[in-house]
Amino acid sequence: MLLPCVKAELALGRTADARRRLEAAAEARPDDLPVRDALMRLYQAVGDRAALAPLIDASYADWNGGKV
């Protein structure tokens, strides 16, 4: 139910709320790839490259480690 809530918040222009929700979920479940993807897309959309970089690195590590 998390991702539909985030999509609704983004559609309503509540980017900060969506970001807080996704960051909390990603911290609680760092291996949840759909949450990580949504958070990476949000960071890209708002131009937060510093926050995006570690998630991209984690995704490459997962790919190279055979988790994806």
N, C-alpha and C. Protein backbone atom coordinates (compact mmCIF):
# COMPACT_ATOMS: atom_id res chain seq x y z
N MET A 1 0.82 -1.19 0.00
CA MET A 1 0.00 0.00 0.00
C MET A 1 0.87 1.26 0.00
N LEU A 2 2.14 1.09 0.27
CA LEU A 2 3.04 2.24 0.36
C LEU A 2 3.17 2.99 -0.97
N LEU A 3 3.45 2.26 -2.03
CA LEU A 3 3.72 2.93 -3.30
C LEU A 3 2.51 3.67 -3.87
N PRO A 4 1.29 3.15 -3.77
CA PRO A 4 0.15 3.96 -4.22
C PRO A 4 -0.01 5.25 -3.41
N CYS A 5 0.29 5.18 -2.12
CA CYS A 5 0.22 6.40 -1.30
C CYS A 5 1.24 7.43 -1.77
N VAL A 6 2.44 6.95 -2.06
CA VAL A 6 3.50 7.83 -2.53
C VAL A 6 3.11 8.45 -3.87
N LYS A 7 2.57 7.64 -4.77
CA LYS A 7 2.15 8.17 -6.07
C LYS A 7 1.08 9.24 -5.91
N ALA A 8 0.15 9.01 -4.99
CA ALA A 8 -0.90 10.00 -4.74
C ALA A 8 -0.30 11.29 -4.18
N GLU A 9 0.62 11.16 -3.26
CA GLU A 9 1.26 12.36 -2.69
C GLU A 9 2.01 13.14 -3.76
N LEU A 10 2.70 12.44 -4.63
CA LEU A 10 3.43 13.12 -5.69
C LEU A 10 2.46 13.81 -6.66
N ALA A 11 1.35 13.15 -6.97
CA ALA A 11 0.36 13.75 -7.87
C ALA A 11 -0.26 15.00 -7.27
N LEU A 12 -0.32 15.04 -5.94
CA LEU A 12 -0.89 16.20 -5.25
C LEU A 12 0.16 17.27 -4.95
N GLY A 13 1.39 17.02 -5.39
CA GLY A 13 2.45 17.99 -5.15
C GLY A 13 3.04 17.93 -3.75
N ARG A 14 2.78 16.86 -3.06
CA ARG A 14 3.28 16.70 -1.69
C ARG A 14 4.58 15.91 -1.71
N THR A 15 5.56 16.45 -2.39
CA THR A 15 6.84 15.78 -2.59
C THR A 15 7.56 15.51 -1.27
N ALA A 16 7.54 16.47 -0.38
CA ALA A 16 8.23 16.29 0.92
C ALA A 16 7.61 15.14 1.70
N ASP A 17 6.29 15.00 1.67
CA ASP A 17 5.63 13.89 2.36
C ASP A 17 6.00 12.56 1.72
N ALA A 18 5.99 12.52 0.40
CA ALA A 18 6.36 11.30 -0.31
C ALA A 18 7.81 10.92 0.00
N ARG A 19 8.66 11.92 0.05
CA ARG A 19 10.08 11.66 0.33
C ARG A 19 10.25 11.08 1.74
N ARG A 20 9.58 11.68 2.72
CA ARG A 20 9.68 11.17 4.09
C ARG A 20 9.18 9.73 4.17
N ARG A 21 8.07 9.46 3.51
CA ARG A 21 7.49 8.11 3.53
C ARG A 21 8.45 7.10 2.89
N LEU A 22 9.00 7.45 1.75
CA LEU A 22 9.92 6.53 1.05
C LEU A 22 11.22 6.35 1.81
N GLU A 23 11.76 7.43 2.36
CA GLU A 23 13.01 7.31 3.11
C GLU A 23 12.84 6.43 4.34
N ALA A 24 11.72 6.55 5.02
CA ALA A 24 11.45 5.71 6.19
C ALA A 24 11.33 4.24 5.77
N ALA A 25 10.63 4.00 4.67
CA ALA A 25 10.47 2.63 4.19
C ALA A 25 11.80 2.04 3.74
N ALA A 26 12.61 2.83 3.05
CA ALA A 26 13.91 2.35 2.58
C ALA A 26 14.85 2.06 3.74
N GLU A 27 14.75 2.84 4.79
CA GLU A 27 15.59 2.60 5.97
C GLU A 27 15.16 1.31 6.67
N ALA A 28 13.86 1.09 6.75
CA ALA A 28 13.34 -0.11 7.40
C ALA A 28 13.56 -1.37 6.58
N ARG A 29 13.53 -1.22 5.24
CA ARG A 29 13.67 -2.37 4.34
C ARG A 29 14.63 -2.03 3.21
N PRO A 30 15.94 -1.99 3.50
CA PRO A 30 16.90 -1.57 2.47
C PRO A 30 16.98 -2.49 1.25
N ASP A 31 16.48 -3.72 1.36
CA ASP A 31 16.53 -4.64 0.22
C ASP A 31 15.24 -4.64 -0.59
N ASP A 32 14.30 -3.77 -0.27
CA ASP A 32 13.04 -3.68 -0.99
C ASP A 32 13.28 -2.89 -2.28
N LEU A 33 13.41 -3.61 -3.38
CA LEU A 33 13.79 -2.97 -4.65
C LEU A 33 12.73 -2.01 -5.20
N PRO A 34 11.43 -2.31 -5.11
CA PRO A 34 10.45 -1.33 -5.59
C PRO A 34 10.50 -0.02 -4.80
N VAL A 35 10.73 -0.11 -3.50
CA VAL A 35 10.85 1.11 -2.69
C VAL A 35 12.10 1.87 -3.09
N ARG A 36 13.20 1.15 -3.26
CA ARG A 36 14.45 1.80 -3.68
C ARG A 36 14.28 2.48 -5.03
N ASP A 37 13.61 1.80 -5.95
CA ASP A 37 13.37 2.38 -7.28
C ASP A 37 12.55 3.66 -7.17
N ALA A 38 11.49 3.63 -6.39
CA ALA A 38 10.64 4.82 -6.24
C ALA A 38 11.43 5.96 -5.61
N LEU A 39 12.26 5.64 -4.63
CA LEU A 39 13.06 6.68 -3.99
C LEU A 39 14.11 7.24 -4.95
N MET A 40 14.72 6.37 -5.76
CA MET A 40 15.69 6.87 -6.74
C MET A 40 15.01 7.78 -7.75
N ARG A 41 13.82 7.43 -8.20
CA ARG A 41 13.09 8.26 -9.15
C ARG A 41 12.72 9.61 -8.54
N LEU A 42 12.35 9.59 -7.26
CA LEU A 42 12.02 10.84 -6.60
C LEU A 42 13.26 11.73 -6.48
N TYR A 43 14.38 11.14 -6.05
CA TYR A 43 15.62 11.91 -5.93
C TYR A 43 16.03 12.49 -7.28
N GLN A 44 15.87 11.70 -8.35
CA GLN A 44 16.21 12.19 -9.67
C GLN A 44 15.29 13.36 -10.06
N ALA A 45 14.01 13.22 -9.76
CA ALA A 45 13.04 14.26 -10.13
C ALA A 45 13.30 15.58 -9.42
N VAL A 46 13.76 15.49 -8.16
CA VAL A 46 14.02 16.72 -7.41
C VAL A 46 15.47 17.19 -7.54
N GLY A 47 16.30 16.41 -8.25
CA GLY A 47 17.67 16.81 -8.49
C GLY A 47 18.62 16.60 -7.32
N ASP A 48 18.29 15.67 -6.43
CA ASP A 48 19.15 15.40 -5.27
C ASP A 48 20.15 14.31 -5.61
N ARG A 49 21.19 14.71 -6.31
CA ARG A 49 22.19 13.74 -6.78
C ARG A 49 22.99 13.12 -5.64
N ALA A 50 23.20 13.88 -4.58
CA ALA A 50 23.96 13.35 -3.44
C ALA A 50 23.20 12.21 -2.76
N ALA A 51 21.89 12.32 -2.68
CA ALA A 51 21.08 11.26 -2.08
C ALA A 51 20.91 10.08 -3.04
N LEU A 52 20.91 10.37 -4.33
CA LEU A 52 20.71 9.35 -5.35
C LEU A 52 21.92 8.42 -5.49
N ALA A 53 23.10 8.95 -5.39
CA ALA A 53 24.33 8.18 -5.65
C ALA A 53 24.44 6.89 -4.82
N PRO A 54 24.23 6.92 -3.50
CA PRO A 54 24.37 5.67 -2.74
C PRO A 54 23.33 4.62 -3.13
N LEU A 55 22.16 5.04 -3.55
CA LEU A 55 21.15 4.08 -3.96
C LEU A 55 21.52 3.43 -5.29
N ILE A 56 22.09 4.21 -6.18
CA ILE A 56 22.57 3.64 -7.44
C ILE A 56 23.69 2.66 -7.17
N ASP A 57 24.61 3.03 -6.30
CA ASP A 57 25.71 2.12 -5.93
C ASP A 57 25.18 0.82 -5.33
N ALA A 58 24.17 0.92 -4.45
CA ALA A 58 23.58 -0.27 -3.84
C ALA A 58 22.91 -1.14 -4.89
N SER A 59 22.28 -0.51 -5.87
CA SER A 59 21.62 -1.27 -6.93
C SER A 59 22.65 -2.01 -7.79
N TYR A 60 23.75 -1.35 -8.12
CA TYR A 60 24.82 -2.03 -8.87
C TYR A 60 25.41 -3.17 -8.05
N ALA A 61 25.59 -2.96 -6.75
CA ALA A 61 26.13 -4.01 -5.88
C ALA A 61 25.17 -5.22 -5.84
N ASP A 62 23.87 -4.94 -5.77
CA ASP A 62 22.90 -6.02 -5.78
C ASP A 62 22.94 -6.78 -7.11
N TRP A 63 23.06 -6.05 -8.20
CA TRP A 63 23.13 -6.67 -9.53
C TRP A 63 24.39 -7.54 -9.63
N ASN A 64 25.52 -6.97 -9.27
CA ASN A 64 26.77 -7.72 -9.37
C ASN A 64 26.84 -8.88 -8.40
N GLY A 65 26.12 -8.77 -7.28
CA GLY A 65 26.07 -9.86 -6.30
C GLY A 65 25.03 -10.91 -6.60
N GLY A 66 24.29 -10.74 -7.68
CA GLY A 66 23.30 -11.73 -8.09
C GLY A 66 21.98 -11.63 -7.33
N LYS A 67 21.74 -10.55 -6.62
CA LYS A 67 20.49 -10.40 -5.89
C LYS A 67 19.34 -9.96 -6.78
N VAL A 68 19.67 -9.45 -7.96
CA VAL A 68 18.64 -8.96 -8.88
C VAL A 68 18.60 -9.86 -10.09
